[in-house]
C-alpha atoms as a PDB file:
ATOM      1  CA  MET A   1       3.699   3.093 -12.432  1.00  0.00           C
ATOM      2  CA  THR A   2       2.266   0.365 -10.878  1.00  0.00           C
ATOM      3  CA  ALA A   3       4.718   0.324  -8.026  1.00  0.00           C
ATOM      4  CA  ASP A   4       7.936   2.243  -7.153  1.00  0.00           C
ATOM      5  CA  PRO A   5      10.332   1.068  -9.834  1.00  0.00           C
ATOM      6  CA  ARG A   6      13.328   1.722  -7.296  1.00  0.00           C
ATOM      7  CA  ILE A   7      12.199  -1.234  -5.469  1.00  0.00           C
ATOM      8  CA  ILE A   8      10.028  -3.141  -7.784  1.00  0.00           C
ATOM      9  CA  SER A   9      12.464  -3.902 -11.022  1.00  0.00           C
ATOM     10  CA  LYS A  10       9.283  -5.170 -12.835  1.00  0.00           C
ATOM     11  CA  ALA A  11       7.020  -2.385 -12.438  1.00  0.00           C
ATOM     12  CA  TYR A  12       5.617  -0.619 -15.512  1.00  0.00           C
ATOM     13  CA  THR A  13       3.591   2.429 -16.615  1.00  0.00           C
ATOM     14  CA  ILE A  14      -0.294   2.371 -15.873  1.00  0.00           C
ATOM     15  CA  PRO A  15      -1.683   3.573 -19.066  1.00  0.00           C
ATOM     16  CA  GLU A  16      -5.252   4.801 -17.731  1.00  0.00           C
ATOM     17  CA  LEU A  17      -6.029   6.260 -14.416  1.00  0.00           C
ATOM     18  CA  THR A  18      -9.237   8.151 -12.798  1.00  0.00           C
ATOM     19  CA  TYR A  19      -8.582  11.344 -10.794  1.00  0.00           C
ATOM     20  CA  SER A  20      -9.654   9.302  -7.649  1.00  0.00           C
ATOM     21  CA  GLU A  21      -6.976   6.693  -8.401  1.00  0.00           C
ATOM     22  CA  ALA A  22      -4.122   9.018  -8.899  1.00  0.00           C
ATOM     23  CA  MET A  23      -5.108  11.225  -5.803  1.00  0.00           C
ATOM     24  CA  GLU A  24      -4.916   7.870  -3.618  1.00  0.00           C
ATOM     25  CA  LEU A  25      -1.647   6.914  -5.008  1.00  0.00           C
ATOM     26  CA  SER A  26      -0.156  10.250  -4.789  1.00  0.00           C
ATOM     27  CA  HIS A  27      -1.366  10.183  -0.795  1.00  0.00           C
ATOM     28  CA  PHE A  28       0.613   6.945  -0.562  1.00  0.00           C
ATOM     29  CA  GLY A  29       3.864   8.068  -1.631  1.00  0.00           C
ATOM     30  CA  ALA A  30       3.447   8.301  -5.512  1.00  0.00           C
ATOM     31  CA  LYS A  31       5.525  11.842  -5.855  1.00  0.00           C
ATOM     32  CA  VAL A  32       5.138  11.884  -9.705  1.00  0.00           C
ATOM     33  CA  ILE A  33       1.515  13.625  -8.926  1.00  0.00           C
ATOM     34  CA  TYR A  34       0.783  16.440  -6.282  1.00  0.00           C
ATOM     35  CA  PRO A  35      -2.726  16.498  -5.369  1.00  0.00           C
ATOM     36  CA  PRO A  36      -3.360  20.351  -5.025  1.00  0.00           C
ATOM     37  CA  THR A  37      -2.308  20.385  -8.799  1.00  0.00           C
ATOM     38  CA  ILE A  38      -5.006  17.701  -9.858  1.00  0.00           C
ATOM     39  CA  LEU A  39      -8.151  19.523  -7.990  1.00  0.00           C
ATOM     40  CA  PRO A  40      -8.420  22.459 -10.505  1.00  0.00           C
ATOM     41  CA  VAL A  41      -8.543  20.393 -13.749  1.00  0.00           C
ATOM     42  CA  TYR A  42     -10.828  17.811 -11.778  1.00  0.00           C
ATOM     43  CA  LYS A  43     -13.604  20.361 -11.551  1.00  0.00           C
ATOM     44  CA  LYS A  44     -13.273  21.175 -15.145  1.00  0.00           C
ATOM     45  CA  LEU A  45     -12.912  17.367 -16.252  1.00  0.00           C
ATOM     46  CA  ILE A  46      -9.730  18.342 -17.981  1.00  0.00           C
ATOM     47  CA  PRO A  47      -7.638  15.189 -18.866  1.00  0.00           C
ATOM     48  CA  ILE A  48      -3.879  14.950 -17.398  1.00  0.00           C
ATOM     49  CA  LEU A  49      -1.268  13.352 -19.682  1.00  0.00           C
ATOM     50  CA  ILE A  50       1.848  12.092 -17.525  1.00  0.00           C
ATOM     51  CA  LYS A  51       4.908  11.769 -19.743  1.00  0.00           C
ATOM     52  CA  ASN A  52       8.421  10.554 -19.133  1.00  0.00           C
ATOM     53  CA  THR A  53      10.782  13.518 -20.076  1.00  0.00           C
ATOM     54  CA  PHE A  54      13.497  10.566 -20.802  1.00  0.00           C
ATOM     55  CA  GLU A  55      11.595   8.809 -22.834  1.00  0.00           C
ATOM     56  CA  PRO A  56       8.950  11.115 -24.730  1.00  0.00           C
ATOM     57  CA  GLU A  57       8.372   8.452 -27.477  1.00  0.00           C
ATOM     58  CA  ASN A  58       6.367   6.314 -24.424  1.00  0.00           C
ATOM     59  CA  GLN A  59       2.632   6.301 -24.068  1.00  0.00           C
ATOM     60  CA  GLY A  60       2.680   7.917 -20.441  1.00  0.00           C
ATOM     61  CA  THR A  61      -0.090   7.985 -18.190  1.00  0.00           C
ATOM     62  CA  ARG A  62      -3.683   9.516 -18.947  1.00  0.00           C
ATOM     63  CA  ILE A  63      -5.498  10.827 -15.797  1.00  0.00           C
ATOM     64  CA  SER A  64      -9.349  11.272 -16.243  1.00  0.00           C
ATOM     65  CA  HIS A  65     -12.808  10.897 -14.773  1.00  0.00           C
ATOM     66  CA  VAL A  66     -13.328   7.665 -16.630  1.00  0.00           C
ATOM     67  CA  ALA A  67     -10.331   4.936 -17.005  1.00  0.00           C
ATOM     68  CA  LYS A  68     -10.722   3.081 -20.322  1.00  0.00           C
ATOM     69  CA  ASN A  69      -8.988   0.174 -19.106  1.00  0.00           C
ATOM     70  CA  GLY A  70     -10.737  -0.196 -15.935  1.00  0.00           C
ATOM     71  CA  HIS A  71     -12.006  -3.768 -16.326  1.00  0.00           C
ATOM     72  CA  GLU A  72      -8.578  -4.979 -17.402  1.00  0.00           C
ATOM     73  CA  ARG A  73      -6.787  -4.377 -14.225  1.00  0.00           C
ATOM     74  CA  ILE A  74      -8.940  -4.604 -10.994  1.00  0.00           C
ATOM     75  CA  ILE A  75      -5.784  -3.148  -8.964  1.00  0.00           C
ATOM     76  CA  LYS A  76      -3.980   0.198 -10.615  1.00  0.00           C
ATOM     77  CA  GLY A  77      -1.148   0.468  -8.638  1.00  0.00           C
ATOM     78  CA  ILE A  78       0.803  -0.106  -5.252  1.00  0.00           C
ATOM     79  CA  SER A  79       2.269   2.697  -3.235  1.00  0.00           C
ATOM     80  CA  SER A  80       3.996   2.919   0.332  1.00  0.00           C
ATOM     81  CA  ILE A  81       5.039   5.284   2.806  1.00  0.00           C
ATOM     82  CA  SER A  82       8.013   4.767   5.302  1.00  0.00           C
ATOM     83  CA  GLY A  83       8.954   6.562   8.491  1.00  0.00           C
ATOM     84  CA  ILE A  84       5.752   5.545  10.150  1.00  0.00           C
ATOM     85  CA  ALA A  85       4.651   5.189  13.645  1.00  0.00           C
ATOM     86  CA  LEU A  86       1.525   3.582  15.087  1.00  0.00           C
ATOM     87  CA  VAL A  87      -0.176   4.935  18.290  1.00  0.00           C
ATOM     88  CA  THR A  88      -2.829   3.183  19.921  1.00  0.00           C
ATOM     89  CA  LEU A  89      -5.101   4.262  22.640  1.00  0.00           C
ATOM     90  CA  GLN A  90      -6.508   1.162  24.582  1.00  0.00           C
ATOM     91  CA  GLY A  91      -8.854   0.390  27.410  1.00  0.00           C
ATOM     92  CA  ILE A  92     -11.959  -1.245  28.630  1.00  0.00           C
ATOM     93  CA  GLY A  93     -13.160   2.269  29.840  1.00  0.00           C
ATOM     94  CA  MET A  94     -13.332   3.431  25.982  1.00  0.00           C
ATOM     95  CA  VAL A  95     -16.075   0.796  25.246  1.00  0.00           C
ATOM     96  CA  GLY A  96     -19.517   2.702  24.616  1.00  0.00           C
ATOM     97  CA  VAL A  97     -18.204   6.043  25.602  1.00  0.00           C
ATOM     98  CA  THR A  98     -19.074   8.850  23.130  1.00  0.00           C
ATOM     99  CA  GLY A  99     -16.606  11.516  21.938  1.00  0.00           C
ATOM    100  CA  ILE A 100     -13.430   9.546  22.574  1.00  0.00           C
ATOM    101  CA  SER A 101     -12.296   9.527  18.836  1.00  0.00           C
ATOM    102  CA  MET A 102     -13.437  13.178  18.742  1.00  0.00           C
ATOM    103  CA  ARG A 103     -11.122  14.045  21.471  1.00  0.00           C
ATOM    104  CA  LEU A 104      -8.293  12.217  20.167  1.00  0.00           C
ATOM    105  CA  PHE A 105      -8.383  13.791  16.773  1.00  0.00           C
ATOM    106  CA  THR A 106      -8.763  17.048  18.534  1.00  0.00           C
ATOM    107  CA  ALA A 107      -5.887  16.940  20.619  1.00  0.00           C
ATOM    108  CA  LEU A 108      -3.491  15.986  17.397  1.00  0.00           C
ATOM    109  CA  ALA A 109      -4.989  18.743  15.287  1.00  0.00           C
ATOM    110  CA  ARG A 110      -4.437  21.359  17.919  1.00  0.00           C
ATOM    111  CA  GLU A 111      -0.724  20.045  17.497  1.00  0.00           C
ATOM    112  CA  ASN A 112      -0.913  19.889  13.665  1.00  0.00           C
ATOM    113  CA  VAL A 113      -0.161  16.079  13.875  1.00  0.00           C
ATOM    114  CA  ASN A 114      -1.485  14.399  10.415  1.00  0.00           C
ATOM    115  CA  VAL A 115      -3.249  11.395  10.628  1.00  0.00           C
ATOM    116  CA  ILE A 116      -2.248   9.123   7.810  1.00  0.00           C
ATOM    117  CA  LEU A 117      -4.341   5.862   8.762  1.00  0.00           C
ATOM    118  CA  ILE A 118      -6.951   5.039  11.250  1.00  0.00           C
ATOM    119  CA  SER A 119      -7.771   1.404  12.579  1.00  0.00           C
ATOM    120  CA  GLN A 120     -10.340   0.857  15.082  1.00  0.00           C
ATOM    121  CA  ALA A 121     -11.755  -2.485  16.625  1.00  0.00           C
ATOM    122  CA  SER A 122     -15.665  -2.965  16.524  1.00  0.00           C
ATOM    123  CA  SER A 123     -15.449  -3.708  20.375  1.00  0.00           C
ATOM    124  CA  GLU A 124     -14.595  -0.075  20.389  1.00  0.00           C
ATOM    125  CA  ASN A 125     -11.798  -1.314  23.044  1.00  0.00           C
ATOM    126  CA  SER A 126      -8.834   0.404  20.868  1.00  0.00           C
ATOM    127  CA  ILE A 127      -7.990   2.769  18.308  1.00  0.00           C
ATOM    128  CA  SER A 128      -4.903   3.013  16.162  1.00  0.00           C
ATOM    129  CA  ILE A 129      -3.539   5.910  14.278  1.00  0.00           C
ATOM    130  CA  ALA A 130      -0.526   5.913  11.831  1.00  0.00           C
ATOM    131  CA  ILE A 131       1.303   9.258  11.982  1.00  0.00           C
ATOM    132  CA  GLU A 132       5.070  10.134  10.778  1.00  0.00           C
ATOM    133  CA  GLU A 133       7.803   9.211  13.339  1.00  0.00           C
ATOM    134  CA  ASN A 134       9.035  12.743  13.741  1.00  0.00           C
ATOM    135  CA  ALA A 135       5.766  13.516  15.356  1.00  0.00           C
ATOM    136  CA  VAL A 136       5.523  10.686  18.041  1.00  0.00           C
ATOM    137  CA  GLU A 137       6.477  12.811  21.035  1.00  0.00           C
ATOM    138  CA  ILE A 138       3.864  15.675  20.057  1.00  0.00           C
ATOM    139  CA  ALA A 139       1.239  13.413  19.568  1.00  0.00           C
ATOM    140  CA  ARG A 140       2.184  11.244  22.945  1.00  0.00           C
ATOM    141  CA  THR A 141       2.202  14.560  24.845  1.00  0.00           C
ATOM    142  CA  ALA A 142      -1.110  15.662  23.548  1.00  0.00           C
ATOM    143  CA  ILE A 143      -2.858  12.382  23.925  1.00  0.00           C
ATOM    144  CA  GLN A 144      -1.323  12.226  27.700  1.00  0.00           C
ATOM    145  CA  THR A 145      -2.644  15.880  28.353  1.00  0.00           C
ATOM    146  CA  ASP A 146      -6.047  15.286  26.782  1.00  0.00           C
ATOM    147  CA  PHE A 147      -6.745  11.932  28.686  1.00  0.00           C
ATOM    148  CA  GLU A 148      -4.877  12.533  31.930  1.00  0.00           C
ATOM    149  CA  LYS A 149      -7.813  11.488  33.876  1.00  0.00           C
ATOM    150  CA  GLU A 150      -8.827   8.497  32.333  1.00  0.00           C
ATOM    151  CA  ILE A 151      -5.119   7.194  32.098  1.00  0.00           C
ATOM    152  CA  THR A 152      -4.735   8.056  35.847  1.00  0.00           C
ATOM    153  CA  ASN A 153      -8.159   6.133  36.893  1.00  0.00           C
ATOM    154  CA  GLY A 154      -7.248   3.009  34.706  1.00  0.00           C
ATOM    155  CA  GLN A 155     -10.044   3.662  32.295  1.00  0.00           C
ATOM    156  CA  ILE A 156      -7.570   3.968  29.537  1.00  0.00           C
ATOM    157  CA  ASN A 157      -4.212   2.077  29.408  1.00  0.00           C
ATOM    158  CA  LYS A 158      -0.614   3.316  28.512  1.00  0.00           C
ATOM    159  CA  ILE A 159      -0.520   4.614  25.096  1.00  0.00           C
ATOM    160  CA  PHE A 160       1.146   2.185  22.982  1.00  0.00           C
ATOM    161  CA  ILE A 161       3.660   3.611  20.418  1.00  0.00           C
ATOM    162  CA  GLU A 162       5.153   1.481  17.709  1.00  0.00           C
ATOM    163  CA  THR A 163       7.999   2.648  15.115  1.00  0.00           C
ATOM    164  CA  ASP A 164      10.002   1.777  12.348  1.00  0.00           C
ATOM    165  CA  LEU A 165       6.932   0.901  10.456  1.00  0.00           C
ATOM    166  CA  SER A 166       5.613   1.497   6.669  1.00  0.00           C
ATOM    167  CA  ILE A 167       2.212   1.730   5.088  1.00  0.00           C
ATOM    168  CA  VAL A 168       1.587  -0.170   1.622  1.00  0.00           C
ATOM    169  CA  ALA A 169      -1.704   0.606  -0.038  1.00  0.00           C
ATOM    170  CA  ILE A 170      -3.141  -1.094  -3.178  1.00  0.00           C
ATOM    171  CA  VAL A 171      -5.569   1.117  -5.131  1.00  0.00           C
ATOM    172  CA  GLY A 172      -8.146   0.599  -8.022  1.00  0.00           C
ATOM    173  CA  GLU A 173     -11.871   1.992  -8.456  1.00  0.00           C
ATOM    174  CA  ASN A 174     -12.950  -1.293  -9.780  1.00  0.00           C
ATOM    175  CA  MET A 175     -12.153  -3.019  -6.410  1.00  0.00           C
ATOM    176  CA  LYS A 176     -15.757  -2.281  -5.284  1.00  0.00           C
ATOM    177  CA  HIS A 177     -16.959  -4.640  -8.051  1.00  0.00           C
ATOM    178  CA  SER A 178     -14.712  -7.463  -7.406  1.00  0.00           C
ATOM    179  CA  THR A 179     -14.911 -10.230  -4.655  1.00  0.00           C
ATOM    180  CA  GLY A 180     -12.031 -11.869  -3.313  1.00  0.00           C
ATOM    181  CA  ILE A 181      -9.434  -8.944  -3.701  1.00  0.00           C
ATOM    182  CA  ALA A 182      -8.775  -8.861   0.164  1.00  0.00           C
ATOM    183  CA  GLY A 183      -8.664 -12.705   0.593  1.00  0.00           C
ATOM    184  CA  LYS A 184      -6.151 -12.827  -2.470  1.00  0.00           C
ATOM    185  CA  LEU A 185      -4.355  -9.940  -0.897  1.00  0.00           C
ATOM    186  CA  PHE A 186      -3.636 -11.218   2.729  1.00  0.00           C
ATOM    187  CA  SER A 187      -3.292 -14.920   1.690  1.00  0.00           C
ATOM    188  CA  THR A 188      -0.285 -13.872  -0.442  1.00  0.00           C
ATOM    189  CA  ILE A 189       1.323 -11.764   2.425  1.00  0.00           C
ATOM    190  CA  GLY A 190       0.547 -14.578   5.052  1.00  0.00           C
ATOM    191  CA  LYS A 191       2.206 -17.064   2.759  1.00  0.00           C
ATOM    192  CA  SER A 192       5.333 -14.990   2.479  1.00  0.00           C
ATOM    193  CA  GLY A 193       5.400 -15.069   6.325  1.00  0.00           C
ATOM    194  CA  ILE A 194       5.323 -11.217   6.557  1.00  0.00           C
ATOM    195  CA  ASN A 195       3.033  -9.739   9.666  1.00  0.00           C
ATOM    196  CA  ILE A 196       0.324  -7.220   9.313  1.00  0.00           C
ATOM    197  CA  ILE A 197       0.359  -4.670  12.165  1.00  0.00           C
ATOM    198  CA  ALA A 198      -2.803  -2.786  11.233  1.00  0.00           C
ATOM    199  CA  ILE A 199      -5.531  -2.696   8.331  1.00  0.00           C
ATOM    200  CA  ALA A 200      -7.827  -0.030   6.959  1.00  0.00           C
ATOM    201  CA  GLN A 201     -10.268   0.210   4.089  1.00  0.00           C
ATOM    202  CA  GLY A 202     -12.723   2.670   3.237  1.00  0.00           C
ATOM    203  CA  ALA A 203     -16.090   2.042   2.422  1.00  0.00           C
ATOM    204  CA  SER A 204     -15.766   3.431  -1.013  1.00  0.00           C
ATOM    205  CA  GLU A 205     -13.628   0.055  -1.481  1.00  0.00           C
ATOM    206  CA  LEU A 206     -11.185   2.546  -3.537  1.00  0.00           C
ATOM    207  CA  ASN A 207      -7.859   1.396  -1.557  1.00  0.00           C
ATOM    208  CA  ILE A 208      -6.748  -1.319   1.154  1.00  0.00           C
ATOM    209  CA  SER A 209      -4.234   0.072   3.168  1.00  0.00           C
ATOM    210  CA  TRP A 210      -2.065  -2.078   6.117  1.00  0.00           C
ATOM    211  CA  VAL A 211       1.066  -1.554   8.269  1.00  0.00           C
ATOM    212  CA  VAL A 212       4.192  -3.437   7.853  1.00  0.00           C
ATOM    213  CA  ARG A 213       7.524  -3.363   9.738  1.00  0.00           C
ATOM    214  CA  ASN A 214      10.101  -1.260   7.627  1.00  0.00           C
ATOM    215  CA  GLU A 215      12.117  -4.556   7.370  1.00  0.00           C
ATOM    216  CA  ASP A 216       9.175  -6.284   5.508  1.00  0.00           C
ATOM    217  CA  LEU A 217       8.389  -3.410   3.112  1.00  0.00           C
ATOM    218  CA  ARG A 218      10.480  -4.666   0.093  1.00  0.00           C
ATOM    219  CA  LYS A 219       9.448  -8.338   0.320  1.00  0.00           C
ATOM    220  CA  THR A 220       5.514  -6.992   0.950  1.00  0.00           C
ATOM    221  CA  LEU A 221       5.808  -4.702  -2.285  1.00  0.00           C
ATOM    222  CA  ASN A 222       7.440  -7.455  -4.524  1.00  0.00           C
ATOM    223  CA  VAL A 223       5.075 -10.539  -3.441  1.00  0.00           C
ATOM    224  CA  VAL A 224       1.792  -8.159  -3.818  1.00  0.00           C
ATOM    225  CA  HIS A 225       3.047  -6.992  -7.184  1.00  0.00           C
ATOM    226  CA  GLU A 226       3.872 -10.429  -8.451  1.00  0.00           C
ATOM    227  CA  SER A 227       0.375 -11.642  -7.447  1.00  0.00           C
ATOM    228  CA  PHE A 228      -1.601  -8.775  -8.795  1.00  0.00           C
ATOM    229  CA  PHE A 229       0.483  -7.861 -11.784  1.00  0.00           C
ATOM    230  CA  LEU A 230       2.766 -10.472 -12.677  1.00  0.00           C
ATOM    231  CA  SER A 231       0.523 -13.615 -11.961  1.00  0.00           C
ATOM    232  CA  GLU A 232       0.465 -14.714 -15.538  1.00  0.00           C
ATOM    233  CA  ASN A 233       4.239 -15.141 -15.740  1.00  0.00           C
ATOM    234  CA  VAL A 234       5.511 -16.540 -12.580  1.00  0.00           C
ATOM    235  CA  GLU A 235       9.340 -16.612 -12.420  1.00  0.00           C
ATOM    236  CA  LEU A 236      10.953 -19.607 -10.828  1.00  0.00           C
ATOM    237  CA  ASN A 237      14.899 -20.069  -9.784  1.00  0.00           C
ATOM    238  CA  VAL A 238      15.930 -23.521 -10.623  1.00  0.00           C
ATOM    239  CA  PHE A 239      19.099 -24.964  -9.104  1.00  0.00           C
ATOM    240  CA  LEU A 240      20.899 -28.217 -10.677  1.00  0.00           C
ATOM    241  CA  MET A 241      23.199 -29.973  -8.721  1.00  0.00           C
ATOM    242  CA  GLY A 242      25.312 -32.645  -9.887  1.00  0.00           C
ATOM    243  CA  ILE A 243      25.592 -33.246 -13.927  1.00  0.00           C
ATOM    244  CA  GLY A 244      25.409 -37.284 -14.248  1.00  0.00           C
ATOM    245  CA  THR A 245      23.370 -39.066 -16.662  1.00  0.00           C
ATOM    246  CA  VAL A 246      20.087 -37.028 -15.807  1.00  0.00           C
ATOM    247  CA  GLY A 247      21.369 -33.624 -15.074  1.00  0.00           C
ATOM    248  CA  GLY A 248      23.788 -33.790 -18.390  1.00  0.00           C
ATOM    249  CA  ASN A 249      20.627 -34.644 -20.370  1.00  0.00           C
ATOM    250  CA  LEU A 250      18.628 -31.958 -18.726  1.00  0.00           C
ATOM    251  CA  LEU A 251      21.365 -29.120 -19.555  1.00  0.00           C
ATOM    252  CA  GLN A 252      21.593 -30.443 -23.173  1.00  0.00           C
ATOM    253  CA  GLN A 253      17.529 -30.373 -23.774  1.00  0.00           C
ATOM    254  CA  LEU A 254      18.036 -26.608 -22.178  1.00  0.00           C
ATOM    255  CA  GLN A 255      20.905 -25.816 -24.581  1.00  0.00           C
ATOM    256  CA  LYS A 256      18.938 -26.871 -27.780  1.00  0.00           C
ATOM    257  CA  GLN A 257      15.815 -24.707 -26.636  1.00  0.00           C
ATOM    258  CA  GLN A 258      18.015 -21.772 -25.575  1.00  0.00           C
ATOM    259  CA  GLU A 259      17.009 -19.897 -28.727  1.00  0.00           C
ATOM    260  CA  LYS A 260      13.640 -20.591 -28.533  1.00  0.00           C
ATOM    261  CA  LEU A 261      13.028 -19.996 -24.622  1.00  0.00           C
ATOM    262  CA  LEU A 262      15.130 -16.644 -25.047  1.00  0.00           C
ATOM    263  CA  LYS A 263      12.596 -15.358 -28.043  1.00  0.00           C
ATOM    264  CA  LYS A 264       9.715 -16.465 -25.842  1.00  0.00           C
ATOM    265  CA  ASN A 265      10.927 -14.887 -22.545  1.00  0.00           C
ATOM    266  CA  THR A 266      11.714 -11.760 -24.543  1.00  0.00           C
ATOM    267  CA  SER A 267       8.232 -11.224 -25.977  1.00  0.00           C
ATOM    268  CA  ILE A 268       6.739 -11.217 -22.382  1.00  0.00           C
END
């Protein structure tokens, strides 16, 4: 679906997905698909049809190497992962020094800590990684052990760790052919007063991922979903205070149009 229906009540089924899009969505929390099960059929280009057991008459989702409706929707879906911690390694001594990233990821790999997202400043002054919250202490110990010398002499500052975070991602292969997606995305989030803690985008432009606080997750998913999937039908809540001459006439007009408005709204 376009988003988790438990959070977004207006989420709907995605008719067509490519293998790559399905893999990206499953990585960021879409639990209907399991990546290792896609790999064998992907190699043979065998299409996958996902159906709803409780509603078998519905179209479902077709996953193949080419999505027929690729140009209709630039963004195919929104997915998220909660229970995330952001670990940041920062220090002036990192600038221009080769092998910092390699040592960081090697130290984490030795302890089987899975890195979900990576964000690095172009100045090389800092590098942030998103991991599962339950691996925070293991990651902290591994990094401190490997960078003990640099931390002691001040080349690298204290390791910063933020918890109670979530990762949100928008996915769509056609994003690479479209301009302004990132602008629309971050403008929508900014107007809603949501703070973005870290951002990551691959060169393939298949997805844009960002980190927000857990308390902002539901709001983030709702505003992004509305912006990209429901922008043609904006829902407004109107409050009428007072039923004098103007208010009373307005209510009468709405009552006369009630049947027409209900039919129009039902057809959306």
